[in-house]
Amino acid sequence: VARTMVDRWDGTLASATWVTLTEVLLGFACAVTAGLLIACAL
């Protein structure tokens, strides 16, 4: 697994990790915003 992570990092895993990380951070920020607004409204 470690060897595959090193060998496939530049070609595959680096860009895929960045895409997923972007989705996670932006989605989490949307969840925090929506959750706080809904909780305060209720």
PDB file of all heavy atoms in Angstrom:
ATOM      1  N   VAL A   1       0.832  -1.201   0.000  1.00  0.00           N
ATOM      2  CA  VAL A   1       0.000   0.000   0.000  1.00  0.00           C
ATOM      3  C   VAL A   1       0.868   1.254   0.000  1.00  0.00           C
ATOM      4  O   VAL A   1       0.616   2.206  -0.756  1.00  0.00           O
ATOM      5  CB  VAL A   1      -0.950  -0.008   1.222  1.00  0.00           C
ATOM      6  CG1 VAL A   1      -1.731   1.303   1.292  1.00  0.00           C
ATOM      7  CG2 VAL A   1      -1.902  -1.194   1.152  1.00  0.00           C
ATOM      8  N   ALA A   2       1.893   1.255   0.843  1.00  0.00           N
ATOM      9  CA  ALA A   2       2.794   2.413   0.904  1.00  0.00           C
ATOM     10  C   ALA A   2       3.523   2.598  -0.427  1.00  0.00           C
ATOM     11  O   ALA A   2       3.682   3.733  -0.902  1.00  0.00           O
ATOM     12  CB  ALA A   2       3.801   2.228   2.034  1.00  0.00           C
ATOM     13  N   ARG A   3       3.955   1.498  -1.042  1.00  0.00           N
ATOM     14  CA  ARG A   3       4.650   1.602  -2.327  1.00  0.00           C
ATOM     15  C   ARG A   3       3.715   2.144  -3.408  1.00  0.00           C
ATOM     16  O   ARG A   3       4.113   2.991  -4.223  1.00  0.00           O
ATOM     17  CB  ARG A   3       5.199   0.232  -2.727  1.00  0.00           C
ATOM     18  CG  ARG A   3       6.035   0.254  -4.001  1.00  0.00           C
ATOM     19  CD  ARG A   3       6.732  -1.064  -4.237  1.00  0.00           C
ATOM     20  NE  ARG A   3       5.790  -2.170  -4.325  1.00  0.00           N
ATOM     21  CZ  ARG A   3       5.658  -3.129  -3.408  1.00  0.00           C
ATOM     22  NH1 ARG A   3       6.413  -3.104  -2.312  1.00  0.00           N
ATOM     23  NH2 ARG A   3       4.789  -4.106  -3.559  1.00  0.00           N
ATOM     24  N   THR A   4       2.469   1.683  -3.404  1.00  0.00           N
ATOM     25  CA  THR A   4       1.489   2.183  -4.376  1.00  0.00           C
ATOM     26  C   THR A   4       1.208   3.658  -4.155  1.00  0.00           C
ATOM     27  O   THR A   4       1.071   4.426  -5.115  1.00  0.00           O
ATOM     28  CB  THR A   4       0.182   1.373  -4.269  1.00  0.00           C
ATOM     29  OG1 THR A   4       0.459   0.001  -4.524  1.00  0.00           O
ATOM     30  CG2 THR A   4      -0.856   1.887  -5.246  1.00  0.00           C
ATOM     31  N   MET A   5       1.138   4.065  -2.905  1.00  0.00           N
ATOM     32  CA  MET A   5       0.875   5.479  -2.606  1.00  0.00           C
ATOM     33  C   MET A   5       1.989   6.369  -3.146  1.00  0.00           C
ATOM     34  O   MET A   5       1.736   7.455  -3.677  1.00  0.00           O
ATOM     35  CB  MET A   5       0.707   5.669  -1.100  1.00  0.00           C
ATOM     36  CG  MET A   5       0.157   7.022  -0.697  1.00  0.00           C
ATOM     37  SD  MET A   5      -0.080   7.158   1.105  1.00  0.00           S
ATOM     38  CE  MET A   5      -1.238   5.820   1.389  1.00  0.00           C
ATOM     39  N   VAL A   6       3.227   5.897  -3.025  1.00  0.00           N
ATOM     40  CA  VAL A   6       4.359   6.671  -3.531  1.00  0.00           C
ATOM     41  C   VAL A   6       4.395   6.655  -5.057  1.00  0.00           C
ATOM     42  O   VAL A   6       4.572   7.697  -5.705  1.00  0.00           O
ATOM     43  CB  VAL A   6       5.679   6.131  -2.951  1.00  0.00           C
ATOM     44  CG1 VAL A   6       6.878   6.820  -3.599  1.00  0.00           C
ATOM     45  CG2 VAL A   6       5.712   6.328  -1.439  1.00  0.00           C
ATOM     46  N   ASP A   7       4.194   5.482  -5.642  1.00  0.00           N
ATOM     47  CA  ASP A   7       4.302   5.346  -7.104  1.00  0.00           C
ATOM     48  C   ASP A   7       3.180   6.075  -7.835  1.00  0.00           C
ATOM     49  O   ASP A   7       3.402   6.639  -8.916  1.00  0.00           O
ATOM     50  CB  ASP A   7       4.292   3.862  -7.501  1.00  0.00           C
ATOM     51  CG  ASP A   7       5.521   3.122  -7.006  1.00  0.00           C
ATOM     52  OD1 ASP A   7       6.530   3.797  -6.681  1.00  0.00           O
ATOM     53  OD2 ASP A   7       5.478   1.875  -6.919  1.00  0.00           O
ATOM     54  N   ARG A   8       1.976   6.069  -7.265  1.00  0.00           N
ATOM     55  CA  ARG A   8       0.818   6.653  -7.951  1.00  0.00           C
ATOM     56  C   ARG A   8       0.468   8.054  -7.468  1.00  0.00           C
ATOM     57  O   ARG A   8      -0.561   8.596  -7.871  1.00  0.00           O
ATOM     58  CB  ARG A   8      -0.405   5.737  -7.754  1.00  0.00           C
ATOM     59  CG  ARG A   8      -0.234   4.317  -8.255  1.00  0.00           C
ATOM     60  CD  ARG A   8      -0.124   4.254  -9.766  1.00  0.00           C
ATOM     61  NE  ARG A   8      -1.339   4.701 -10.393  1.00  0.00           N
ATOM     62  CZ  ARG A   8      -2.374   3.883 -10.682  1.00  0.00           C
ATOM     63  NH1 ARG A   8      -2.279   2.594 -10.393  1.00  0.00           N
ATOM     64  NH2 ARG A   8      -3.447   4.344 -11.267  1.00  0.00           N
ATOM     65  N   TRP A   9       1.318   8.634  -6.614  1.00  0.00           N
ATOM     66  CA  TRP A   9       0.981   9.944  -6.057  1.00  0.00           C
ATOM     67  C   TRP A   9       0.935  11.021  -7.128  1.00  0.00           C
ATOM     68  O   TRP A   9      -0.057  11.745  -7.265  1.00  0.00           O
ATOM     69  CB  TRP A   9       1.965  10.320  -4.957  1.00  0.00           C
ATOM     70  CG  TRP A   9       1.731  11.690  -4.389  1.00  0.00           C
ATOM     71  CD1 TRP A   9       2.463  12.808  -4.618  1.00  0.00           C
ATOM     72  CD2 TRP A   9       0.654  12.077  -3.530  1.00  0.00           C
ATOM     73  NE1 TRP A   9       1.925  13.874  -3.939  1.00  0.00           N
ATOM     74  CE2 TRP A   9       0.809  13.450  -3.269  1.00  0.00           C
ATOM     75  CE3 TRP A   9      -0.418  11.394  -2.956  1.00  0.00           C
ATOM     76  CZ2 TRP A   9      -0.065  14.150  -2.454  1.00  0.00           C
ATOM     77  CZ3 TRP A   9      -1.288  12.099  -2.139  1.00  0.00           C
ATOM     78  CH2 TRP A   9      -1.114  13.449  -1.904  1.00  0.00           C
ATOM     79  N   ASP A  10       2.001  11.150  -7.914  1.00  0.00           N
ATOM     80  CA  ASP A  10       2.074  12.221  -8.913  1.00  0.00           C
ATOM     81  C   ASP A  10       1.056  12.030 -10.029  1.00  0.00           C
ATOM     82  O   ASP A  10       0.438  12.987 -10.497  1.00  0.00           O
ATOM     83  CB  ASP A  10       3.487  12.300  -9.501  1.00  0.00           C
ATOM     84  CG  ASP A  10       4.507  12.801  -8.485  1.00  0.00           C
ATOM     85  OD1 ASP A  10       4.092  13.538  -7.568  1.00  0.00           O
ATOM     86  OD2 ASP A  10       5.689  12.437  -8.597  1.00  0.00           O
ATOM     87  N   GLY A  11       0.864  10.824 -10.466  1.00  0.00           N
ATOM     88  CA  GLY A  11      -0.005  10.610 -11.614  1.00  0.00           C
ATOM     89  C   GLY A  11      -1.480  10.553 -11.296  1.00  0.00           C
ATOM     90  O   GLY A  11      -2.314  10.954 -12.098  1.00  0.00           O
ATOM     91  N   THR A  12      -1.836  10.029 -10.103  1.00  0.00           N
ATOM     92  CA  THR A  12      -3.248   9.766  -9.811  1.00  0.00           C
ATOM     93  C   THR A  12      -3.708  10.356  -8.489  1.00  0.00           C
ATOM     94  O   THR A  12      -4.680  11.115  -8.432  1.00  0.00           O
ATOM     95  CB  THR A  12      -3.506   8.243  -9.799  1.00  0.00           C
ATOM     96  OG1 THR A  12      -3.121   7.688 -11.055  1.00  0.00           O
ATOM     97  CG2 THR A  12      -4.978   7.949  -9.546  1.00  0.00           C
ATOM     98  N   LEU A  13      -3.020  10.008  -7.413  1.00  0.00           N
ATOM     99  CA  LEU A  13      -3.535  10.288  -6.077  1.00  0.00           C
ATOM    100  C   LEU A  13      -3.473  11.759  -5.699  1.00  0.00           C
ATOM    101  O   LEU A  13      -4.330  12.236  -4.951  1.00  0.00           O
ATOM    102  CB  LEU A  13      -2.765   9.457  -5.050  1.00  0.00           C
ATOM    103  CG  LEU A  13      -2.998   7.943  -5.138  1.00  0.00           C
ATOM    104  CD1 LEU A  13      -2.105   7.212  -4.151  1.00  0.00           C
ATOM    105  CD2 LEU A  13      -4.464   7.619  -4.871  1.00  0.00           C
ATOM    106  N   ALA A  14      -2.470  12.489  -6.179  1.00  0.00           N
ATOM    107  CA  ALA A  14      -2.337  13.897  -5.779  1.00  0.00           C
ATOM    108  C   ALA A  14      -3.541  14.713  -6.239  1.00  0.00           C
ATOM    109  O   ALA A  14      -4.164  15.432  -5.446  1.00  0.00           O
ATOM    110  CB  ALA A  14      -1.041  14.481  -6.347  1.00  0.00           C
ATOM    111  N   SER A  15      -3.874  14.625  -7.525  1.00  0.00           N
ATOM    112  CA  SER A  15      -5.015  15.390  -8.037  1.00  0.00           C
ATOM    113  C   SER A  15      -6.324  14.906  -7.435  1.00  0.00           C
ATOM    114  O   SER A  15      -7.212  15.712  -7.114  1.00  0.00           O
ATOM    115  CB  SER A  15      -5.070  15.289  -9.559  1.00  0.00           C
ATOM    116  OG  SER A  15      -5.257  13.947  -9.970  1.00  0.00           O
ATOM    117  N   ALA A  16      -6.461  13.580  -7.252  1.00  0.00           N
ATOM    118  CA  ALA A  16      -7.693  13.046  -6.668  1.00  0.00           C
ATOM    119  C   ALA A  16      -7.861  13.502  -5.225  1.00  0.00           C
ATOM    120  O   ALA A  16      -8.976  13.846  -4.793  1.00  0.00           O
ATOM    121  CB  ALA A  16      -7.677  11.525  -6.748  1.00  0.00           C
ATOM    122  N   THR A  17      -6.767  13.531  -4.476  1.00  0.00           N
ATOM    123  CA  THR A  17      -6.832  13.990  -3.083  1.00  0.00           C
ATOM    124  C   THR A  17      -7.228  15.459  -3.009  1.00  0.00           C
ATOM    125  O   THR A  17      -8.039  15.851  -2.148  1.00  0.00           O
ATOM    126  CB  THR A  17      -5.471  13.778  -2.393  1.00  0.00           C
ATOM    127  OG1 THR A  17      -5.125  12.394  -2.447  1.00  0.00           O
ATOM    128  CG2 THR A  17      -5.521  14.223  -0.944  1.00  0.00           C
ATOM    129  N   TRP A  18      -6.695  16.259  -3.894  1.00  0.00           N
ATOM    130  CA  TRP A  18      -7.030  17.685  -3.892  1.00  0.00           C
ATOM    131  C   TRP A  18      -8.510  17.901  -4.210  1.00  0.00           C
ATOM    132  O   TRP A  18      -9.174  18.728  -3.577  1.00  0.00           O
ATOM    133  CB  TRP A  18      -6.157  18.426  -4.895  1.00  0.00           C
ATOM    134  CG  TRP A  18      -6.522  19.876  -5.036  1.00  0.00           C
ATOM    135  CD1 TRP A  18      -7.119  20.480  -6.103  1.00  0.00           C
ATOM    136  CD2 TRP A  18      -6.341  20.902  -4.056  1.00  0.00           C
ATOM    137  NE1 TRP A  18      -7.318  21.810  -5.858  1.00  0.00           N
ATOM    138  CE2 TRP A  18      -6.849  22.098  -4.604  1.00  0.00           C
ATOM    139  CE3 TRP A  18      -5.795  20.914  -2.777  1.00  0.00           C
ATOM    140  CZ2 TRP A  18      -6.820  23.288  -3.906  1.00  0.00           C
ATOM    141  CZ3 TRP A  18      -5.773  22.105  -2.084  1.00  0.00           C
ATOM    142  CH2 TRP A  18      -6.277  23.281  -2.655  1.00  0.00           C
ATOM    143  N   VAL A  19      -9.037  17.138  -5.165  1.00  0.00           N
ATOM    144  CA  VAL A  19     -10.456  17.261  -5.525  1.00  0.00           C
ATOM    145  C   VAL A  19     -11.345  16.879  -4.340  1.00  0.00           C
ATOM    146  O   VAL A  19     -12.289  17.600  -3.987  1.00  0.00           O
ATOM    147  CB  VAL A  19     -10.777  16.388  -6.754  1.00  0.00           C
ATOM    148  CG1 VAL A  19     -12.279  16.304  -6.984  1.00  0.00           C
ATOM    149  CG2 VAL A  19     -10.100  16.944  -7.990  1.00  0.00           C
ATOM    150  N   THR A  20     -11.046  15.748  -3.731  1.00  0.00           N
ATOM    151  CA  THR A  20     -11.862  15.298  -2.600  1.00  0.00           C
ATOM    152  C   THR A  20     -11.732  16.242  -1.410  1.00  0.00           C
ATOM    153  O   THR A  20     -12.720  16.534  -0.721  1.00  0.00           O
ATOM    154  CB  THR A  20     -11.446  13.872  -2.185  1.00  0.00           C
ATOM    155  OG1 THR A  20     -11.575  13.000  -3.311  1.00  0.00           O
ATOM    156  CG2 THR A  20     -12.324  13.362  -1.058  1.00  0.00           C
ATOM    157  N   LEU A  21     -10.533  16.742  -1.156  1.00  0.00           N
ATOM    158  CA  LEU A  21     -10.333  17.680  -0.052  1.00  0.00           C
ATOM    159  C   LEU A  21     -11.129  18.959  -0.274  1.00  0.00           C
ATOM    160  O   LEU A  21     -11.721  19.503   0.665  1.00  0.00           O
ATOM    161  CB  LEU A  21      -8.848  17.998   0.093  1.00  0.00           C
ATOM    162  CG  LEU A  21      -8.462  18.959   1.222  1.00  0.00           C
ATOM    163  CD1 LEU A  21      -8.850  18.380   2.573  1.00  0.00           C
ATOM    164  CD2 LEU A  21      -6.967  19.263   1.189  1.00  0.00           C
ATOM    165  N   THR A  22     -11.167  19.433  -1.516  1.00  0.00           N
ATOM    166  CA  THR A  22     -11.967  20.616  -1.829  1.00  0.00           C
ATOM    167  C   THR A  22     -13.443  20.372  -1.546  1.00  0.00           C
ATOM    168  O   THR A  22     -14.130  21.216  -0.957  1.00  0.00           O
ATOM    169  CB  THR A  22     -11.773  21.001  -3.304  1.00  0.00           C
ATOM    170  OG1 THR A  22     -10.386  21.256  -3.553  1.00  0.00           O
ATOM    171  CG2 THR A  22     -12.573  22.253  -3.651  1.00  0.00           C
ATOM    172  N   GLU A  23     -13.930  19.207  -1.953  1.00  0.00           N
ATOM    173  CA  GLU A  23     -15.336  18.871  -1.698  1.00  0.00           C
ATOM    174  C   GLU A  23     -15.624  18.795  -0.209  1.00  0.00           C
ATOM    175  O   GLU A  23     -16.665  19.277   0.263  1.00  0.00           O
ATOM    176  CB  GLU A  23     -15.664  17.536  -2.366  1.00  0.00           C
ATOM    177  CG  GLU A  23     -15.562  17.548  -3.875  1.00  0.00           C
ATOM    178  CD  GLU A  23     -15.562  16.159  -4.478  1.00  0.00           C
ATOM    179  OE1 GLU A  23     -15.569  15.179  -3.700  1.00  0.00           O
ATOM    180  OE2 GLU A  23     -15.541  16.048  -5.716  1.00  0.00           O
ATOM    181  N   VAL A  24     -14.703  18.205   0.537  1.00  0.00           N
ATOM    182  CA  VAL A  24     -14.906  18.045   1.980  1.00  0.00           C
ATOM    183  C   VAL A  24     -14.934  19.403   2.678  1.00  0.00           C
ATOM    184  O   VAL A  24     -15.843  19.690   3.479  1.00  0.00           O
ATOM    185  CB  VAL A  24     -13.799  17.151   2.573  1.00  0.00           C
ATOM    186  CG1 VAL A  24     -13.824  17.206   4.098  1.00  0.00           C
ATOM    187  CG2 VAL A  24     -13.971  15.718   2.109  1.00  0.00           C
ATOM    188  N   LEU A  25     -13.980  20.258   2.382  1.00  0.00           N
ATOM    189  CA  LEU A  25     -13.889  21.545   3.072  1.00  0.00           C
ATOM    190  C   LEU A  25     -15.049  22.464   2.706  1.00  0.00           C
ATOM    191  O   LEU A  25     -15.667  23.084   3.587  1.00  0.00           O
ATOM    192  CB  LEU A  25     -12.555  22.211   2.748  1.00  0.00           C
ATOM    193  CG  LEU A  25     -11.304  21.508   3.282  1.00  0.00           C
ATOM    194  CD1 LEU A  25     -10.048  22.267   2.870  1.00  0.00           C
ATOM    195  CD2 LEU A  25     -11.362  21.357   4.792  1.00  0.00           C
ATOM    196  N   LEU A  26     -15.360  22.556   1.404  1.00  0.00           N
ATOM    197  CA  LEU A  26     -16.469  23.424   0.993  1.00  0.00           C
ATOM    198  C   LEU A  26     -17.811  22.881   1.484  1.00  0.00           C
ATOM    199  O   LEU A  26     -18.666  23.638   1.946  1.00  0.00           O
ATOM    200  CB  LEU A  26     -16.479  23.568  -0.530  1.00  0.00           C
ATOM    201  CG  LEU A  26     -15.311  24.342  -1.145  1.00  0.00           C
ATOM    202  CD1 LEU A  26     -15.435  24.390  -2.661  1.00  0.00           C
ATOM    203  CD2 LEU A  26     -15.240  25.756  -0.582  1.00  0.00           C
ATOM    204  N   GLY A  27     -17.985  21.569   1.395  1.00  0.00           N
ATOM    205  CA  GLY A  27     -19.229  20.980   1.885  1.00  0.00           C
ATOM    206  C   GLY A  27     -19.382  21.139   3.381  1.00  0.00           C
ATOM    207  O   GLY A  27     -20.487  21.413   3.883  1.00  0.00           O
ATOM    208  N   PHE A  28     -18.280  20.980   4.120  1.00  0.00           N
ATOM    209  CA  PHE A  28     -18.333  21.160   5.571  1.00  0.00           C
ATOM    210  C   PHE A  28     -18.646  22.607   5.917  1.00  0.00           C
ATOM    211  O   PHE A  28     -19.422  22.868   6.847  1.00  0.00           O
ATOM    212  CB  PHE A  28     -16.999  20.740   6.180  1.00  0.00           C
ATOM    213  CG  PHE A  28     -16.975  20.774   7.679  1.00  0.00           C
ATOM    214  CD1 PHE A  28     -17.689  19.854   8.421  1.00  0.00           C
ATOM    215  CD2 PHE A  28     -16.227  21.728   8.355  1.00  0.00           C
ATOM    216  CE1 PHE A  28     -17.660  19.877   9.806  1.00  0.00           C
ATOM    217  CE2 PHE A  28     -16.194  21.771   9.732  1.00  0.00           C
ATOM    218  CZ  PHE A  28     -16.917  20.836  10.464  1.00  0.00           C
ATOM    219  N   ALA A  29     -18.071  23.549   5.185  1.00  0.00           N
ATOM    220  CA  ALA A  29     -18.369  24.964   5.422  1.00  0.00           C
ATOM    221  C   ALA A  29     -19.844  25.256   5.160  1.00  0.00           C
ATOM    222  O   ALA A  29     -20.488  25.997   5.924  1.00  0.00           O
ATOM    223  CB  ALA A  29     -17.487  25.840   4.527  1.00  0.00           C
ATOM    224  N   CYS A  30     -20.396  24.669   4.088  1.00  0.00           N
ATOM    225  CA  CYS A  30     -21.835  24.838   3.806  1.00  0.00           C
ATOM    226  C   CYS A  30     -22.674  24.242   4.928  1.00  0.00           C
ATOM    227  O   CYS A  30     -23.696  24.820   5.327  1.00  0.00           O
ATOM    228  CB  CYS A  30     -22.193  24.178   2.483  1.00  0.00           C
ATOM    229  SG  CYS A  30     -21.480  24.963   1.021  1.00  0.00           S
ATOM    230  N   ALA A  31     -22.263  23.085   5.450  1.00  0.00           N
ATOM    231  CA  ALA A  31     -23.006  22.439   6.529  1.00  0.00           C
ATOM    232  C   ALA A  31     -22.989  23.283   7.793  1.00  0.00           C
ATOM    233  O   ALA A  31     -24.011  23.422   8.480  1.00  0.00           O
ATOM    234  CB  ALA A  31     -22.419  21.055   6.806  1.00  0.00           C
ATOM    235  N   VAL A  32     -21.825  23.863   8.116  1.00  0.00           N
ATOM    236  CA  VAL A  32     -21.719  24.710   9.314  1.00  0.00           C
ATOM    237  C   VAL A  32     -22.608  25.942   9.171  1.00  0.00           C
ATOM    238  O   VAL A  32     -23.353  26.296  10.094  1.00  0.00           O
ATOM    239  CB  VAL A  32     -20.256  25.120   9.542  1.00  0.00           C
ATOM    240  CG1 VAL A  32     -20.153  26.149  10.662  1.00  0.00           C
ATOM    241  CG2 VAL A  32     -19.402  23.899   9.870  1.00  0.00           C
ATOM    242  N   THR A  33     -22.551  26.572   8.001  1.00  0.00           N
ATOM    243  CA  THR A  33     -23.374  27.768   7.780  1.00  0.00           C
ATOM    244  C   THR A  33     -24.849  27.447   7.867  1.00  0.00           C
ATOM    245  O   THR A  33     -25.616  28.119   8.577  1.00  0.00           O
ATOM    246  CB  THR A  33     -23.043  28.381   6.408  1.00  0.00           C
ATOM    247  OG1 THR A  33     -21.639  28.679   6.343  1.00  0.00           O
ATOM    248  CG2 THR A  33     -23.834  29.656   6.187  1.00  0.00           C
ATOM    249  N   ALA A  34     -25.274  26.412   7.133  1.00  0.00           N
ATOM    250  CA  ALA A  34     -26.693  26.042   7.130  1.00  0.00           C
ATOM    251  C   ALA A  34     -27.132  25.572   8.510  1.00  0.00           C
ATOM    252  O   ALA A  34     -28.236  25.919   8.973  1.00  0.00           O
ATOM    253  CB  ALA A  34     -26.942  24.953   6.090  1.00  0.00           C
ATOM    254  N   GLY A  35     -26.296  24.777   9.185  1.00  0.00           N
ATOM    255  CA  GLY A  35     -26.666  24.271  10.494  1.00  0.00           C
ATOM    256  C   GLY A  35     -26.852  25.367  11.521  1.00  0.00           C
ATOM    257  O   GLY A  35     -27.811  25.356  12.300  1.00  0.00           O
ATOM    258  N   LEU A  36     -25.942  26.349  11.539  1.00  0.00           N
ATOM    259  CA  LEU A  36     -26.063  27.456  12.490  1.00  0.00           C
ATOM    260  C   LEU A  36     -27.292  28.313  12.193  1.00  0.00           C
ATOM    261  O   LEU A  36     -28.015  28.712  13.115  1.00  0.00           O
ATOM    262  CB  LEU A  36     -24.799  28.308  12.457  1.00  0.00           C
ATOM    263  CG  LEU A  36     -23.556  27.695  13.108  1.00  0.00           C
ATOM    264  CD1 LEU A  36     -22.355  28.612  12.930  1.00  0.00           C
ATOM    265  CD2 LEU A  36     -23.806  27.429  14.582  1.00  0.00           C
ATOM    266  N   LEU A  37     -27.523  28.588  10.917  1.00  0.00           N
ATOM    267  CA  LEU A  37     -28.688  29.404  10.562  1.00  0.00           C
ATOM    268  C   LEU A  37     -29.993  28.705  10.934  1.00  0.00           C
ATOM    269  O   LEU A  37     -30.907  29.322  11.492  1.00  0.00           O
ATOM    270  CB  LEU A  37     -28.665  29.717   9.064  1.00  0.00           C
ATOM    271  CG  LEU A  37     -27.575  30.689   8.591  1.00  0.00           C
ATOM    272  CD1 LEU A  37     -27.609  30.836   7.078  1.00  0.00           C
ATOM    273  CD2 LEU A  37     -27.746  32.055   9.261  1.00  0.00           C
ATOM    274  N   ILE A  38     -30.075  27.413  10.645  1.00  0.00           N
ATOM    275  CA  ILE A  38     -31.290  26.667  10.965  1.00  0.00           C
ATOM    276  C   ILE A  38     -31.479  26.580  12.477  1.00  0.00           C
ATOM    277  O   ILE A  38     -32.598  26.775  12.991  1.00  0.00           O
ATOM    278  CB  ILE A  38     -31.230  25.261  10.339  1.00  0.00           C
ATOM    279  CG1 ILE A  38     -31.295  25.359   8.816  1.00  0.00           C
ATOM    280  CG2 ILE A  38     -32.374  24.391  10.852  1.00  0.00           C
ATOM    281  CD1 ILE A  38     -31.053  24.044   8.104  1.00  0.00           C
ATOM    282  N   ALA A  39     -30.400  26.288  13.208  1.00  0.00           N
ATOM    283  CA  ALA A  39     -30.512  26.177  14.664  1.00  0.00           C
ATOM    284  C   ALA A  39     -30.945  27.496  15.294  1.00  0.00           C
ATOM    285  O   ALA A  39     -31.822  27.518  16.172  1.00  0.00           O
ATOM    286  CB  ALA A  39     -29.172  25.722  15.249  1.00  0.00           C
ATOM    287  N   CYS A  40     -30.367  28.598  14.849  1.00  0.00           N
ATOM    288  CA  CYS A  40     -30.746  29.904  15.395  1.00  0.00           C
ATOM    289  C   CYS A  40     -32.188  30.242  15.052  1.00  0.00           C
ATOM    290  O   CYS A  40     -32.935  30.779  15.890  1.00  0.00           O
ATOM    291  CB  CYS A  40     -29.805  30.984  14.871  1.00  0.00           C
ATOM    292  SG  CYS A  40     -28.115  30.848  15.495  1.00  0.00           S
ATOM    293  N   ALA A  41     -32.605  29.944  13.822  1.00  0.00           N
ATOM    294  CA  ALA A  41     -33.990  30.228  13.423  1.00  0.00           C
ATOM    295  C   ALA A  41     -34.975  29.418  14.259  1.00  0.00           C
ATOM    296  O   ALA A  41     -35.996  29.946  14.733  1.00  0.00           O
ATOM    297  CB  ALA A  41     -34.170  29.925  11.938  1.00  0.00           C
ATOM    298  N   LEU A  42     -34.690  28.143  14.478  1.00  0.00           N
ATOM    299  CA  LEU A  42     -35.586  27.304  15.276  1.00  0.00           C
ATOM    300  C   LEU A  42     -35.578  27.725  16.739  1.00  0.00           C
ATOM    301  O   LEU A  42     -36.594  27.589  17.434  1.00  0.00           O
ATOM    302  CB  LEU A  42     -35.180  25.837  15.147  1.00  0.00           C
ATOM    303  CG  LEU A  42     -35.267  25.220  13.751  1.00  0.00           C
ATOM    304  CD1 LEU A  42     -34.927  23.736  13.804  1.00  0.00           C
ATOM    305  CD2 LEU A  42     -36.644  25.420  13.137  1.00  0.00           C
TER     306      LEU A  42
END
